Protein backbone atom coordinates (compact mmCIF):
# COMPACT_ATOMS: atom_id res chain seq x y z
CA MET A 1 74.79 53.50 -78.65
CA VAL A 2 74.39 51.46 -74.98
CA LYS A 3 71.37 49.59 -74.02
CA LYS A 4 70.47 51.16 -70.22
CA GLY A 5 67.34 49.86 -69.44
CA LYS A 6 63.66 49.37 -70.93
CA GLY A 7 64.42 49.27 -73.79
CA ARG A 8 66.07 53.34 -72.94
CA GLU A 9 69.50 53.73 -75.37
CA LEU A 10 73.04 56.11 -73.48
CA ASN A 11 75.10 57.65 -76.23
CA PRO A 12 79.03 56.41 -75.05
CA ALA A 13 80.49 59.33 -74.27
CA ASP A 14 77.81 59.18 -71.33
CA ALA A 15 78.04 56.17 -70.50
CA PHE A 16 81.57 56.35 -70.29
CA ARG A 17 81.08 59.68 -67.18
CA LYS A 18 78.58 58.03 -65.72
CA THR A 19 80.86 54.98 -65.01
CA GLN A 20 83.61 57.53 -64.06
CA ARG A 21 81.83 60.14 -61.71
CA ALA A 22 80.64 56.56 -59.85
CA LYS A 23 84.00 55.39 -59.63
CA GLU A 24 84.78 59.45 -58.05
CA ILE A 25 81.94 58.78 -56.02
CA ALA A 26 82.94 55.53 -54.04
CA ARG A 27 86.88 57.15 -54.01
CA ASN A 28 85.26 60.20 -52.27
CA LYS A 29 84.24 58.21 -50.27
CA LYS A 30 86.18 55.90 -49.23
CA GLU A 31 88.77 59.10 -48.64
CA ARG A 32 86.54 60.86 -45.85
CA SER A 33 85.71 56.96 -44.13
CA LEU A 34 89.45 57.14 -44.25
CA GLN A 35 89.94 60.95 -42.33
CA ARG A 36 87.41 60.13 -40.16
CA ASP A 37 88.90 57.14 -38.41
CA ALA A 38 92.10 58.55 -38.47
CA TYR A 39 90.47 61.91 -36.82
CA SER A 40 88.91 59.60 -34.50
CA LYS A 41 92.19 58.62 -32.83
CA ARG A 42 93.64 62.19 -32.88
CA ASP A 43 93.87 62.11 -29.36
CA ASP A 44 96.22 59.06 -29.19
CA PRO A 45 99.74 60.58 -31.74
CA GLU A 46 101.74 56.82 -31.11
CA SER A 47 99.56 55.01 -32.64
CA LEU A 48 99.05 56.90 -35.44
CA LYS A 49 102.82 57.14 -35.81
CA GLU A 50 103.00 52.80 -35.64
CA GLN A 51 100.53 52.81 -38.45
CA LEU A 52 102.04 55.61 -41.15
CA LYS A 53 104.77 53.10 -40.07
CA GLU A 54 102.88 50.32 -40.78
CA VAL A 55 101.58 52.71 -44.76
CA ILE A 56 104.41 53.15 -45.10
CA ALA A 57 106.30 49.87 -45.34
CA ALA A 58 103.40 48.13 -47.24
CA GLU A 59 104.18 50.29 -50.17
CA GLN A 60 108.11 50.58 -49.71
CA ALA A 61 107.11 46.78 -50.37
CA GLY A 62 104.80 47.91 -53.50
CA LYS A 63 101.30 47.58 -52.49
CA SER A 64 100.73 50.61 -53.48
CA ASN A 65 97.37 50.91 -54.64
CA PRO A 66 95.04 54.65 -54.23
CA THR A 67 92.80 53.55 -51.15
CA LEU A 68 96.72 52.73 -50.13
CA ARG A 69 97.86 56.50 -51.23
CA LEU A 70 94.89 57.68 -49.56
CA LYS A 71 95.59 56.45 -45.75
CA LYS A 72 99.12 58.00 -45.83
CA LYS A 73 97.28 61.35 -46.62
CA ALA A 74 95.03 61.05 -44.16
CA LEU A 75 97.61 59.32 -42.06
CA GLN A 76 100.13 62.33 -41.91
CA SER A 77 97.28 64.89 -41.55
CA ALA A 78 96.13 63.62 -38.43
CA TYR A 79 99.88 63.27 -37.21
CA GLU A 80 100.52 66.74 -37.36
CA GLN A 81 97.12 68.20 -36.03
CA ALA A 82 97.97 65.69 -33.30
CA ILE A 83 101.58 66.55 -32.80
CA LYS A 84 100.70 70.53 -33.28
CA ARG A 85 98.16 69.85 -30.61
CA GLN A 86 99.51 68.57 -28.22
CA MET A 87 101.84 71.20 -28.13
CA GLU A 88 99.55 73.73 -27.73
CA GLU A 89 98.43 71.25 -24.44
CA LYS A 90 102.10 71.88 -23.53
CA ALA A 91 102.61 75.87 -23.96
CA CYS A 92 99.35 76.08 -21.67
CA ILE A 93 100.67 73.12 -18.91
CA LYS A 94 104.22 75.62 -18.71
CA LEU A 95 102.01 78.99 -18.29
CA ALA A 96 100.98 80.23 -14.89
CA PRO A 97 96.89 78.36 -14.07
CA GLY A 98 95.60 81.98 -14.56
CA GLU A 99 98.71 83.15 -18.06
CA ALA A 100 96.85 79.81 -19.39
CA SER A 101 93.71 80.60 -20.44
CA LEU A 102 93.92 83.64 -21.49
CA ALA A 103 97.04 82.29 -24.30
CA ALA A 104 94.45 79.29 -25.88
CA SER A 105 91.73 82.14 -26.06
CA GLU A 106 94.81 84.08 -28.34
CA THR A 107 95.62 81.34 -30.03
CA MET A 108 91.92 80.43 -30.57
CA HIS A 109 91.07 83.74 -31.92
CA ARG A 110 93.33 85.42 -33.81
CA PRO A 111 90.89 89.18 -35.97
CA GLU A 112 92.16 87.79 -39.66
CA ASP A 113 89.91 84.61 -38.82
CA SER A 114 86.64 87.06 -37.85
CA VAL A 115 84.94 87.52 -40.76
CA TYR A 116 84.28 91.90 -39.11
CA TYR A 117 87.88 92.31 -40.07
CA HIS A 118 89.18 95.04 -41.50
CA PRO A 119 93.10 96.19 -41.89
CA THR A 120 91.67 100.15 -41.75
CA LEU A 121 87.99 99.43 -39.84
CA ASN A 122 88.43 97.04 -37.57
CA PRO A 123 91.64 95.96 -36.91
CA LEU A 124 91.26 93.75 -34.16
CA GLY A 125 87.55 92.05 -36.49
CA LEU A 126 85.44 92.58 -33.44
CA PRO A 127 82.36 92.33 -33.54
CA PRO A 128 79.53 95.16 -34.27
CA PRO A 129 76.79 96.01 -30.81
CA GLY A 130 74.10 93.25 -31.03
CA LYS A 131 75.59 90.73 -33.15
CA ALA A 132 77.52 87.16 -32.26
CA GLN A 133 81.12 86.47 -33.00
CA ARG A 134 81.81 84.01 -36.21
């Protein structure tokens, strides 16, 4: 038995699970902070690309650790979204001003994404009368 504090004892298996859970929580916290940092820079794909190159270079130099892998994963997903967003903006600019709003609304709303979508009963995914679109 492992002493916990104030004379209480903790089963060794429970103590091991508790330390593993603490490590998992710390890893998740680190991953979320890296994702927030990367997504805050989505408007500038060039800076994301530079940071991603630095991380890849460090990884190839042999400095591979879990934090570096998490950072690489977050930067890659943010970079992909930034490129996708940039492509959508270019497509909207190429269209005429009246068509741009129509194209933007079509890309934002797909019937399959609606909570109210049903293939035969409600193929457009429109909400019932008096309900708001979710």
